[in-house]
PDB file of N, CA and C in Angstrom:
ATOM      1  N   MET A   1       0.840  -1.170   0.000  1.00  0.00           N
ATOM      2  CA  MET A   1       0.000   0.000   0.000  1.00  0.00           C
ATOM      3  C   MET A   1       0.890   1.240   0.000  1.00  0.00           C
ATOM      4  N   GLY A   2       0.326   2.319  -0.388  1.00  0.00           N
ATOM      5  CA  GLY A   2       1.048   3.577  -0.421  1.00  0.00           C
ATOM      6  C   GLY A   2       0.368   4.526  -1.374  1.00  0.00           C
ATOM      7  N   ARG A   3       1.068   5.560  -1.706  1.00  0.00           N
ATOM      8  CA  ARG A   3       0.542   6.566  -2.613  1.00  0.00           C
ATOM      9  C   ARG A   3       0.452   6.004  -4.019  1.00  0.00           C
ATOM     10  N   ASP A   4      -0.685   6.258  -4.677  1.00  0.00           N
ATOM     11  CA  ASP A   4      -0.894   5.813  -6.052  1.00  0.00           C
ATOM     12  C   ASP A   4      -0.499   6.955  -6.986  1.00  0.00           C
ATOM     13  N   PRO A   5       0.543   6.768  -7.814  1.00  0.00           N
ATOM     14  CA  PRO A   5       0.976   7.857  -8.705  1.00  0.00           C
ATOM     15  C   PRO A   5      -0.039   8.167  -9.807  1.00  0.00           C
ATOM     16  N   ASN A   6      -1.030   7.287  -9.992  1.00  0.00           N
ATOM     17  CA  ASN A   6      -2.041   7.522 -11.026  1.00  0.00           C
ATOM     18  C   ASN A   6      -3.204   8.386 -10.554  1.00  0.00           C
ATOM     19  N   VAL A   7      -3.264   8.664  -9.257  1.00  0.00           N
ATOM     20  CA  VAL A   7      -4.322   9.520  -8.719  1.00  0.00           C
ATOM     21  C   VAL A   7      -3.719  10.896  -8.450  1.00  0.00           C
ATOM     22  N   ARG A   8      -4.303  11.901  -9.065  1.00  0.00           N
ATOM     23  CA  ARG A   8      -3.802  13.267  -8.919  1.00  0.00           C
ATOM     24  C   ARG A   8      -4.860  14.128  -8.240  1.00  0.00           C
ATOM     25  N   VAL A   9      -4.415  14.933  -7.296  1.00  0.00           N
ATOM     26  CA  VAL A   9      -5.322  15.805  -6.553  1.00  0.00           C
ATOM     27  C   VAL A   9      -4.778  17.227  -6.614  1.00  0.00           C
ATOM     28  N   SER A  10      -5.644  18.179  -6.945  1.00  0.00           N
ATOM     29  CA  SER A  10      -5.258  19.587  -6.867  1.00  0.00           C
ATOM     30  C   SER A  10      -6.207  20.283  -5.906  1.00  0.00           C
ATOM     31  N   TYR A  11      -5.656  21.231  -5.167  1.00  0.00           N
ATOM     32  CA  TYR A  11      -6.372  21.913  -4.093  1.00  0.00           C
ATOM     33  C   TYR A  11      -6.024  23.393  -4.199  1.00  0.00           C
ATOM     34  N   GLU A  12      -7.044  24.214  -4.376  1.00  0.00           N
ATOM     35  CA  GLU A  12      -6.742  25.638  -4.526  1.00  0.00           C
ATOM     36  C   GLU A  12      -7.808  26.508  -3.878  1.00  0.00           C
ATOM     37  N   LEU A  13      -7.368  27.671  -3.444  1.00  0.00           N
ATOM     38  CA  LEU A  13      -8.251  28.668  -2.864  1.00  0.00           C
ATOM     39  C   LEU A  13      -9.125  29.252  -3.966  1.00  0.00           C
ATOM     40  N   ALA A  14     -10.427  29.290  -3.750  1.00  0.00           N
ATOM     41  CA  ALA A  14     -11.362  29.878  -4.716  1.00  0.00           C
ATOM     42  C   ALA A  14     -11.402  31.385  -4.465  1.00  0.00           C
ATOM     43  N   LYS A  15     -10.707  32.135  -5.268  1.00  0.00           N
ATOM     44  CA  LYS A  15     -10.570  33.579  -5.054  1.00  0.00           C
ATOM     45  C   LYS A  15     -11.902  34.316  -5.153  1.00  0.00           C
ATOM     46  N   ASP A  16     -12.836  33.792  -5.940  1.00  0.00           N
ATOM     47  CA  ASP A  16     -14.147  34.433  -6.077  1.00  0.00           C
ATOM     48  C   ASP A  16     -14.929  34.420  -4.773  1.00  0.00           C
ATOM     49  N   TYR A  17     -14.675  33.437  -3.923  1.00  0.00           N
ATOM     50  CA  TYR A  17     -15.450  33.283  -2.691  1.00  0.00           C
ATOM     51  C   TYR A  17     -14.645  33.564  -1.434  1.00  0.00           C
ATOM     52  N   SER A  18     -13.435  34.029  -1.554  1.00  0.00           N
ATOM     53  CA  SER A  18     -12.587  34.284  -0.397  1.00  0.00           C
ATOM     54  C   SER A  18     -12.449  35.788  -0.200  1.00  0.00           C
ATOM     55  N   LYS A  19     -13.071  36.270   0.890  1.00  0.00           N
ATOM     56  CA  LYS A  19     -13.039  37.707   1.140  1.00  0.00           C
ATOM     57  C   LYS A  19     -13.222  37.982   2.619  1.00  0.00           C
ATOM     58  N   THR A  20     -12.888  39.207   3.006  1.00  0.00           N
ATOM     59  CA  THR A  20     -13.060  39.674   4.380  1.00  0.00           C
ATOM     60  C   THR A  20     -13.893  40.937   4.342  1.00  0.00           C
ATOM     61  N   ARG A  21     -14.925  40.981   5.188  1.00  0.00           N
ATOM     62  CA  ARG A  21     -15.804  42.150   5.254  1.00  0.00           C
ATOM     63  C   ARG A  21     -15.946  42.565   6.710  1.00  0.00           C
ATOM     64  N   SER A  22     -16.121  43.848   6.928  1.00  0.00           N
ATOM     65  CA  SER A  22     -16.372  44.379   8.270  1.00  0.00           C
ATOM     66  C   SER A  22     -17.765  44.970   8.308  1.00  0.00           C
ATOM     67  N   PHE A  23     -18.444  44.735   9.419  1.00  0.00           N
ATOM     68  CA  PHE A  23     -19.745  45.353   9.614  1.00  0.00           C
ATOM     69  C   PHE A  23     -19.944  45.557  11.114  1.00  0.00           C
ATOM     70  N   GLY A  24     -20.221  46.792  11.498  1.00  0.00           N
ATOM     71  CA  GLY A  24     -20.381  47.111  12.908  1.00  0.00           C
ATOM     72  C   GLY A  24     -19.119  46.783  13.689  1.00  0.00           C
ATOM     73  N   SER A  25     -19.272  46.040  14.753  1.00  0.00           N
ATOM     74  CA  SER A  25     -18.124  45.678  15.589  1.00  0.00           C
ATOM     75  C   SER A  25     -17.589  44.279  15.246  1.00  0.00           C
ATOM     76  N   ASN A  26     -18.058  43.706  14.137  1.00  0.00           N
ATOM     77  CA  ASN A  26     -17.641  42.360  13.744  1.00  0.00           C
ATOM     78  C   ASN A  26     -16.921  42.343  12.403  1.00  0.00           C
ATOM     79  N   ARG A  27     -16.222  41.285  12.191  1.00  0.00           N
ATOM     80  CA  ARG A  27     -15.541  41.030  10.920  1.00  0.00           C
ATOM     81  C   ARG A  27     -16.035  39.675  10.433  1.00  0.00           C
ATOM     82  N   ARG A  28     -16.254  39.559   9.133  1.00  0.00           N
ATOM     83  CA  ARG A  28     -16.738  38.317   8.527  1.00  0.00           C
ATOM     84  C   ARG A  28     -15.747  37.881   7.452  1.00  0.00           C
ATOM     85  N   VAL A  29     -15.214  36.676   7.599  1.00  0.00           N
ATOM     86  CA  VAL A  29     -14.252  36.114   6.654  1.00  0.00           C
ATOM     87  C   VAL A  29     -14.893  34.918   5.978  1.00  0.00           C
ATOM     88  N   THR A  30     -14.877  34.907   4.657  1.00  0.00           N
ATOM     89  CA  THR A  30     -15.400  33.791   3.880  1.00  0.00           C
ATOM     90  C   THR A  30     -14.246  33.165   3.115  1.00  0.00           C
ATOM     91  N   ARG A  31     -14.145  31.847   3.167  1.00  0.00           N
ATOM     92  CA  ARG A  31     -13.115  31.119   2.427  1.00  0.00           C
ATOM     93  C   ARG A  31     -13.777  30.003   1.634  1.00  0.00           C
ATOM     94  N   GLY A  32     -13.311  29.833   0.411  1.00  0.00           N
ATOM     95  CA  GLY A  32     -13.788  28.763  -0.449  1.00  0.00           C
ATOM     96  C   GLY A  32     -12.611  28.037  -1.066  1.00  0.00           C
ATOM     97  N   TYR A  33     -12.740  26.740  -1.240  1.00  0.00           N
ATOM     98  CA  TYR A  33     -11.675  25.920  -1.818  1.00  0.00           C
ATOM     99  C   TYR A  33     -12.256  25.009  -2.886  1.00  0.00           C
ATOM    100  N   ASN A  34     -11.470  24.771  -3.929  1.00  0.00           N
ATOM    101  CA  ASN A  34     -11.818  23.844  -5.003  1.00  0.00           C
ATOM    102  C   ASN A  34     -10.859  22.668  -4.960  1.00  0.00           C
ATOM    103  N   ILE A  35     -11.412  21.463  -5.050  1.00  0.00           N
ATOM    104  CA  ILE A  35     -10.611  20.244  -5.059  1.00  0.00           C
ATOM    105  C   ILE A  35     -10.931  19.491  -6.345  1.00  0.00           C
ATOM    106  N   THR A  36      -9.895  19.066  -7.054  1.00  0.00           N
ATOM    107  CA  THR A  36     -10.046  18.257  -8.265  1.00  0.00           C
ATOM    108  C   THR A  36      -9.279  16.963  -8.075  1.00  0.00           C
ATOM    109  N   VAL A  37      -9.949  15.842  -8.327  1.00  0.00           N
ATOM    110  CA  VAL A  37      -9.325  14.529  -8.208  1.00  0.00           C
ATOM    111  C   VAL A  37      -9.422  13.858  -9.575  1.00  0.00           C
ATOM    112  N   MET A  38      -8.293  13.294 -10.044  1.00  0.00           N
ATOM    113  CA  MET A  38      -8.252  12.645 -11.354  1.00  0.00           C
ATOM    114  C   MET A  38      -7.641  11.255 -11.230  1.00  0.00           C
ATOM    115  N   ASN A  39      -8.288  10.285 -11.863  1.00  0.00           N
ATOM    116  CA  ASN A  39      -7.748   8.932 -11.951  1.00  0.00           C
ATOM    117  C   ASN A  39      -7.100   8.789 -13.326  1.00  0.00           C
ATOM    118  N   ALA A  40      -5.765   8.824 -13.368  1.00  0.00           N
ATOM    119  CA  ALA A  40      -5.036   8.705 -14.633  1.00  0.00           C
ATOM    120  C   ALA A  40      -4.620   7.260 -14.905  1.00  0.00           C
ATOM    121  N   GLY A  41      -5.037   6.341 -14.054  1.00  0.00           N
ATOM    122  CA  GLY A  41      -4.637   4.945 -14.198  1.00  0.00           C
ATOM    123  C   GLY A  41      -5.594   4.141 -15.053  1.00  0.00           C
ATOM    124  N   PRO A  42      -5.260   2.876 -15.304  1.00  0.00           N
ATOM    125  CA  PRO A  42      -6.081   2.019 -16.157  1.00  0.00           C
ATOM    126  C   PRO A  42      -7.197   1.283 -15.412  1.00  0.00           C
ATOM    127  N   HIS A  43      -7.280   1.445 -14.076  1.00  0.00           N
ATOM    128  CA  HIS A  43      -8.267   0.704 -13.281  1.00  0.00           C
ATOM    129  C   HIS A  43      -9.107   1.675 -12.451  1.00  0.00           C
ATOM    130  N   PRO A  44     -10.351   1.269 -12.123  1.00  0.00           N
ATOM    131  CA  PRO A  44     -11.174   2.099 -11.240  1.00  0.00           C
ATOM    132  C   PRO A  44     -10.517   2.244  -9.863  1.00  0.00           C
ATOM    133  N   VAL A  45     -10.786   3.361  -9.206  1.00  0.00           N
ATOM    134  CA  VAL A  45     -10.191   3.645  -7.904  1.00  0.00           C
ATOM    135  C   VAL A  45     -11.295   4.089  -6.947  1.00  0.00           C
ATOM    136  N   ASN A  46     -11.300   3.524  -5.753  1.00  0.00           N
ATOM    137  CA  ASN A  46     -12.173   3.974  -4.667  1.00  0.00           C
ATOM    138  C   ASN A  46     -11.296   4.731  -3.685  1.00  0.00           C
ATOM    139  N   LEU A  47     -11.717   5.935  -3.325  1.00  0.00           N
ATOM    140  CA  LEU A  47     -10.912   6.687  -2.381  1.00  0.00           C
ATOM    141  C   LEU A  47     -11.777   7.616  -1.553  1.00  0.00           C
ATOM    142  N   ARG A  48     -11.195   8.072  -0.464  1.00  0.00           N
ATOM    143  CA  ARG A  48     -11.856   9.013   0.431  1.00  0.00           C
ATOM    144  C   ARG A  48     -11.022  10.283   0.485  1.00  0.00           C
ATOM    145  N   VAL A  49     -11.679  11.419   0.295  1.00  0.00           N
ATOM    146  CA  VAL A  49     -11.028  12.723   0.392  1.00  0.00           C
ATOM    147  C   VAL A  49     -11.573  13.389   1.648  1.00  0.00           C
ATOM    148  N   GLU A  50     -10.657  13.890   2.481  1.00  0.00           N
ATOM    149  CA  GLU A  50     -11.058  14.573   3.705  1.00  0.00           C
ATOM    150  C   GLU A  50     -10.416  15.949   3.783  1.00  0.00           C
ATOM    151  N   ASP A  51     -11.164  16.890   4.324  1.00  0.00           N
ATOM    152  CA  ASP A  51     -10.662  18.222   4.624  1.00  0.00           C
ATOM    153  C   ASP A  51     -11.375  18.671   5.883  1.00  0.00           C
ATOM    154  N   GLN A  52     -11.061  19.856   6.339  1.00  0.00           N
ATOM    155  CA  GLN A  52     -11.645  20.312   7.590  1.00  0.00           C
ATOM    156  C   GLN A  52     -11.947  21.792   7.535  1.00  0.00           C
ATOM    157  N   ILE A  53     -13.091  22.161   8.119  1.00  0.00           N
ATOM    158  CA  ILE A  53     -13.396  23.574   8.306  1.00  0.00           C
ATOM    159  C   ILE A  53     -13.012  23.928   9.746  1.00  0.00           C
ATOM    160  N   PRO A  54     -12.730  25.192  10.027  1.00  0.00           N
ATOM    161  CA  PRO A  54     -12.332  25.568  11.388  1.00  0.00           C
ATOM    162  C   PRO A  54     -13.465  25.326  12.388  1.00  0.00           C
ATOM    163  N   LEU A  55     -13.087  25.130  13.629  1.00  0.00           N
ATOM    164  CA  LEU A  55     -14.045  25.005  14.721  1.00  0.00           C
ATOM    165  C   LEU A  55     -13.856  26.172  15.673  1.00  0.00           C
ATOM    166  N   SER A  56     -14.926  26.590  16.307  1.00  0.00           N
ATOM    167  CA  SER A  56     -14.862  27.687  17.264  1.00  0.00           C
ATOM    168  C   SER A  56     -14.873  27.125  18.676  1.00  0.00           C
ATOM    169  N   SER A  57     -13.962  27.613  19.490  1.00  0.00           N
ATOM    170  CA  SER A  57     -13.944  27.195  20.892  1.00  0.00           C
ATOM    171  C   SER A  57     -14.597  28.233  21.797  1.00  0.00           C
ATOM    172  N   GLY A  58     -14.912  29.386  21.258  1.00  0.00           N
ATOM    173  CA  GLY A  58     -15.531  30.451  22.040  1.00  0.00           C
ATOM    174  C   GLY A  58     -16.887  30.832  21.486  1.00  0.00           C
ATOM    175  N   SER A  59     -17.716  31.415  22.335  1.00  0.00           N
ATOM    176  CA  SER A  59     -19.061  31.787  21.904  1.00  0.00           C
ATOM    177  C   SER A  59     -19.076  33.049  21.049  1.00  0.00           C
ATOM    178  N   ASP A  60     -17.991  33.829  21.076  1.00  0.00           N
ATOM    179  CA  ASP A  60     -17.963  35.059  20.293  1.00  0.00           C
ATOM    180  C   ASP A  60     -17.455  34.854  18.864  1.00  0.00           C
ATOM    181  N   VAL A  61     -17.031  33.637  18.535  1.00  0.00           N
ATOM    182  CA  VAL A  61     -16.603  33.306  17.177  1.00  0.00           C
ATOM    183  C   VAL A  61     -17.577  32.280  16.620  1.00  0.00           C
ATOM    184  N   GLU A  62     -18.188  32.617  15.477  1.00  0.00           N
ATOM    185  CA  GLU A  62     -19.168  31.739  14.850  1.00  0.00           C
ATOM    186  C   GLU A  62     -18.630  31.242  13.512  1.00  0.00           C
ATOM    187  N   VAL A  63     -18.682  29.925  13.313  1.00  0.00           N
ATOM    188  CA  VAL A  63     -18.257  29.321  12.055  1.00  0.00           C
ATOM    189  C   VAL A  63     -19.467  28.646  11.432  1.00  0.00           C
ATOM    190  N   LYS A  64     -19.688  28.927  10.150  1.00  0.00           N
ATOM    191  CA  LYS A  64     -20.837  28.365   9.454  1.00  0.00           C
ATOM    192  C   LYS A  64     -20.385  27.782   8.116  1.00  0.00           C
ATOM    193  N   ALA A  65     -20.688  26.509   7.890  1.00  0.00           N
ATOM    194  CA  ALA A  65     -20.405  25.887   6.594  1.00  0.00           C
ATOM    195  C   ALA A  65     -21.455  26.370   5.603  1.00  0.00           C
ATOM    196  N   GLU A  66     -21.014  26.962   4.488  1.00  0.00           N
ATOM    197  CA  GLU A  66     -21.947  27.478   3.488  1.00  0.00           C
ATOM    198  C   GLU A  66     -22.186  26.485   2.360  1.00  0.00           C
ATOM    199  N   LEU A  67     -21.160  25.719   2.013  1.00  0.00           N
ATOM    200  CA  LEU A  67     -21.257  24.769   0.905  1.00  0.00           C
ATOM    201  C   LEU A  67     -20.361  23.582   1.203  1.00  0.00           C
ATOM    202  N   THR A  68     -20.914  22.372   1.064  1.00  0.00           N
ATOM    203  CA  THR A  68     -20.098  21.173   1.253  1.00  0.00           C
ATOM    204  C   THR A  68     -20.066  20.312  -0.005  1.00  0.00           C
ATOM    205  N   ASP A  69     -20.832  20.667  -1.029  1.00  0.00           N
ATOM    206  CA  ASP A  69     -20.816  20.023  -2.342  1.00  0.00           C
ATOM    207  C   ASP A  69     -20.903  18.495  -2.261  1.00  0.00           C
ATOM    208  N   GLY A  70     -21.840  18.011  -1.449  1.00  0.00           N
ATOM    209  CA  GLY A  70     -22.067  16.574  -1.357  1.00  0.00           C
ATOM    210  C   GLY A  70     -21.226  15.866  -0.311  1.00  0.00           C
ATOM    211  N   GLY A  71     -20.340  16.577   0.337  1.00  0.00           N
ATOM    212  CA  GLY A  71     -19.510  15.973   1.380  1.00  0.00           C
ATOM    213  C   GLY A  71     -20.280  15.864   2.684  1.00  0.00           C
ATOM    214  N   ARG A  72     -19.896  14.888   3.501  1.00  0.00           N
ATOM    215  CA  ARG A  72     -20.495  14.729   4.824  1.00  0.00           C
ATOM    216  C   ARG A  72     -19.696  15.556   5.824  1.00  0.00           C
ATOM    217  N   LEU A  73     -20.379  16.385   6.600  1.00  0.00           N
ATOM    218  CA  LEU A  73     -19.731  17.239   7.581  1.00  0.00           C
ATOM    219  C   LEU A  73     -19.986  16.688   8.976  1.00  0.00           C
ATOM    220  N   ASN A  74     -18.915  16.398   9.698  1.00  0.00           N
ATOM    221  CA  ASN A  74     -19.008  16.020  11.094  1.00  0.00           C
ATOM    222  C   ASN A  74     -18.933  17.327  11.884  1.00  0.00           C
ATOM    223  N   THR A  75     -20.038  17.738  12.500  1.00  0.00           N
ATOM    224  CA  THR A  75     -20.097  19.032  13.164  1.00  0.00           C
ATOM    225  C   THR A  75     -19.259  19.074  14.442  1.00  0.00           C
ATOM    226  N   GLU A  76     -18.942  17.938  15.018  1.00  0.00           N
ATOM    227  CA  GLU A  76     -18.113  17.925  16.232  1.00  0.00           C
ATOM    228  C   GLU A  76     -16.637  18.119  15.931  1.00  0.00           C
ATOM    229  N   THR A  77     -16.167  17.576  14.802  1.00  0.00           N
ATOM    230  CA  THR A  77     -14.746  17.666  14.453  1.00  0.00           C
ATOM    231  C   THR A  77     -14.475  18.646  13.326  1.00  0.00           C
ATOM    232  N   GLY A  78     -15.493  19.030  12.549  1.00  0.00           N
ATOM    233  CA  GLY A  78     -15.316  19.918  11.411  1.00  0.00           C
ATOM    234  C   GLY A  78     -14.781  19.218  10.174  1.00  0.00           C
ATOM    235  N   VAL A  79     -14.693  17.880  10.207  1.00  0.00           N
ATOM    236  CA  VAL A  79     -14.131  17.129   9.081  1.00  0.00           C
ATOM    237  C   VAL A  79     -15.192  16.932   8.006  1.00  0.00           C
ATOM    238  N   LEU A  80     -14.821  17.277   6.771  1.00  0.00           N
ATOM    239  CA  LEU A  80     -15.640  17.034   5.587  1.00  0.00           C
ATOM    240  C   LEU A  80     -15.098  15.792   4.890  1.00  0.00           C
ATOM    241  N   THR A  81     -15.993  14.884   4.481  1.00  0.00           N
ATOM    242  CA  THR A  81     -15.573  13.629   3.858  1.00  0.00           C
ATOM    243  C   THR A  81     -16.346  13.401   2.572  1.00  0.00           C
ATOM    244  N   TRP A  82     -15.613  13.072   1.513  1.00  0.00           N
ATOM    245  CA  TRP A  82     -16.200  12.672   0.241  1.00  0.00           C
ATOM    246  C   TRP A  82     -15.679  11.276  -0.084  1.00  0.00           C
ATOM    247  N   ASP A  83     -16.571  10.315  -0.328  1.00  0.00           N
ATOM    248  CA  ASP A  83     -16.185   8.980  -0.783  1.00  0.00           C
ATOM    249  C   ASP A  83     -16.402   8.931  -2.291  1.00  0.00           C
ATOM    250  N   LEU A  84     -15.338   8.598  -3.025  1.00  0.00           N
ATOM    251  CA  LEU A  84     -15.382   8.649  -4.485  1.00  0.00           C
ATOM    252  C   LEU A  84     -15.072   7.307  -5.108  1.00  0.00           C
ATOM    253  N   ASN A  85     -15.725   7.021  -6.216  1.00  0.00           N
ATOM    254  CA  ASN A  85     -15.408   5.891  -7.079  1.00  0.00           C
ATOM    255  C   ASN A  85     -15.092   6.487  -8.447  1.00  0.00           C
ATOM    256  N   LEU A  86     -13.814   6.450  -8.834  1.00  0.00           N
ATOM    257  CA  LEU A  86     -13.397   7.066 -10.095  1.00  0.00           C
ATOM    258  C   LEU A  86     -13.049   5.997 -11.119  1.00  0.00           C
ATOM    259  N   GLU A  87     -13.647   6.108 -12.260  1.00  0.00           N
ATOM    260  CA  GLU A  87     -13.321   5.227 -13.383  1.00  0.00           C
ATOM    261  C   GLU A  87     -12.021   5.699 -14.031  1.00  0.00           C
ATOM    262  N   PRO A  88     -11.359   4.876 -14.830  1.00  0.00           N
ATOM    263  CA  PRO A  88     -10.123   5.305 -15.498  1.00  0.00           C
ATOM    264  C   PRO A  88     -10.355   6.575 -16.327  1.00  0.00           C
ATOM    265  N   GLY A  89      -9.494   7.566 -16.148  1.00  0.00           N
ATOM    266  CA  GLY A  89      -9.587   8.819 -16.892  1.00  0.00           C
ATOM    267  C   GLY A  89     -10.624   9.796 -16.375  1.00  0.00           C
ATOM    268  N   GLU A  90     -11.323   9.459 -15.306  1.00  0.00           N
ATOM    269  CA  GLU A  90     -12.387  10.328 -14.788  1.00  0.00           C
ATOM    270  C   GLU A  90     -11.826  11.420 -13.874  1.00  0.00           C
ATOM    271  N   ASN A  91     -12.378  12.614 -14.007  1.00  0.00           N
ATOM    272  CA  ASN A  91     -12.087  13.754 -13.133  1.00  0.00           C
ATOM    273  C   ASN A  91     -13.310  14.029 -12.282  1.00  0.00           C
ATOM    274  N   ARG A  92     -13.099  14.421 -11.039  1.00  0.00           N
ATOM    275  CA  ARG A  92     -14.204  14.848 -10.186  1.00  0.00           C
ATOM    276  C   ARG A  92     -13.793  16.143  -9.517  1.00  0.00           C
ATOM    277  N   GLU A  93     -14.658  17.139  -9.587  1.00  0.00           N
ATOM    278  CA  GLU A  93     -14.389  18.435  -8.974  1.00  0.00           C
ATOM    279  C   GLU A  93     -15.464  18.716  -7.937  1.00  0.00           C
ATOM    280  N   PHE A  94     -15.047  19.253  -6.814  1.00  0.00           N
ATOM    281  CA  PHE A  94     -15.999  19.672  -5.799  1.00  0.00           C
ATOM    282  C   PHE A  94     -15.413  20.830  -5.016  1.00  0.00           C
ATOM    283  N   SER A  95     -16.286  21.523  -4.300  1.00  0.00           N
ATOM    284  CA  SER A  95     -15.905  22.739  -3.583  1.00  0.00           C
ATOM    285  C   SER A  95     -16.497  22.727  -2.192  1.00  0.00           C
ATOM    286  N   PHE A  96     -15.902  23.538  -1.337  1.00  0.00           N
ATOM    287  CA  PHE A  96     -16.530  23.802  -0.054  1.00  0.00           C
ATOM    288  C   PHE A  96     -16.219  25.231   0.348  1.00  0.00           C
ATOM    289  N   ARG A  97     -17.143  25.801   1.142  1.00  0.00           N
ATOM    290  CA  ARG A  97     -17.001  27.179   1.620  1.00  0.00           C
ATOM    291  C   ARG A  97     -17.457  27.248   3.060  1.00  0.00           C
ATOM    292  N   TYR A  98     -16.835  28.169   3.789  1.00  0.00           N
ATOM    293  CA  TYR A  98     -17.277  28.431   5.158  1.00  0.00           C
ATOM    294  C   TYR A  98     -17.117  29.916   5.454  1.00  0.00           C
ATOM    295  N   GLU A  99     -17.829  30.352   6.489  1.00  0.00           N
ATOM    296  CA  GLU A  99     -17.788  31.745   6.897  1.00  0.00           C
ATOM    297  C   GLU A  99     -17.512  31.815   8.401  1.00  0.00           C
ATOM    298  N   VAL A 100     -16.611  32.700   8.784  1.00  0.00           N
ATOM    299  CA  VAL A 100     -16.264  32.907  10.186  1.00  0.00           C
ATOM    300  C   VAL A 100     -16.595  34.351  10.545  1.00  0.00           C
ATOM    301  N   THR A 101     -17.390  34.531  11.611  1.00  0.00           N
ATOM    302  CA  THR A 101     -17.747  35.861  12.099  1.00  0.00           C
ATOM    303  C   THR A 101     -17.155  36.013  13.498  1.00  0.00           C
ATOM    304  N   TYR A 102     -16.435  37.112  13.709  1.00  0.00           N
ATOM    305  CA  TYR A 102     -15.774  37.323  14.996  1.00  0.00           C
ATOM    306  C   TYR A 102     -15.632  38.827  15.261  1.00  0.00           C
ATOM    307  N   PRO A 103     -15.440  39.210  16.534  1.00  0.00           N
ATOM    308  CA  PRO A 103     -15.277  40.626  16.862  1.00  0.00           C
ATOM    309  C   PRO A 103     -14.010  41.204  16.234  1.00  0.00           C
ATOM    310  N   LYS A 104     -14.077  42.469  15.807  1.00  0.00           N
ATOM    311  CA  LYS A 104     -12.927  43.132  15.175  1.00  0.00           C
ATOM    312  C   LYS A 104     -11.714  43.179  16.088  1.00  0.00           C
ATOM    313  N   LYS A 105     -11.943  43.253  17.374  1.00  0.00           N
ATOM    314  CA  LYS A 105     -10.822  43.363  18.306  1.00  0.00           C
ATOM    315  C   LYS A 105     -10.009  42.071  18.423  1.00  0.00           C
ATOM    316  N   MET A 106     -10.559  40.947  17.971  1.00  0.00           N
ATOM    317  CA  MET A 106      -9.834  39.668  18.020  1.00  0.00           C
ATOM    318  C   MET A 106      -8.951  39.515  16.808  1.00  0.00           C
ATOM    319  N   ARG A 107      -7.873  38.774  16.974  1.00  0.00           N
ATOM    320  CA  ARG A 107      -7.004  38.430  15.853  1.00  0.00           C
ATOM    321  C   ARG A 107      -7.031  36.924  15.696  1.00  0.00           C
ATOM    322  N   LEU A 108      -7.468  36.462  14.531  1.00  0.00           N
ATOM    323  CA  LEU A 108      -7.514  35.034  14.244  1.00  0.00           C
ATOM    324  C   LEU A 108      -6.455  34.698  13.216  1.00  0.00           C
ATOM    325  N   SER A 109      -5.894  33.528  13.318  1.00  0.00           N
ATOM    326  CA  SER A 109      -4.889  33.096  12.342  1.00  0.00           C
ATOM    327  C   SER A 109      -5.363  31.824  11.648  1.00  0.00           C
ATOM    328  N   ARG A 110      -4.777  31.563  10.501  1.00  0.00           N
ATOM    329  CA  ARG A 110      -5.018  30.350   9.716  1.00  0.00           C
ATOM    330  C   ARG A 110      -6.466  30.182   9.268  1.00  0.00           C
ATOM    331  N   LEU A 111      -7.032  31.229   8.733  1.00  0.00           N
ATOM    332  CA  LEU A 111      -8.376  31.118   8.175  1.00  0.00           C
ATOM    333  C   LEU A 111      -8.257  30.827   6.750  1.00  0.00           C
TER     334      LEU A 111
END
């Protein structure tokens, strides 16, 4: 077992959906990501793709998943899961977006 060189994955920030806005005493950050998975091999492939949205540990920070594109979201861990069956030469694209609202006086990292 190990990495399959015939399966290619690209992961990129969706610039159209990634922005920061201020309103009143709060700041709202929206992030979107696009994931593309390709099976370049001669055989079908079953695989699981996982990613994670941020979780809030405080009541003054709110995180809301806006789009999961068919993925299952575990609300306790923030893990998004897609189970895929790719035929030879098949590409699959999916996206996810989330929004974080927090007070302007706070500084958050890694959004």
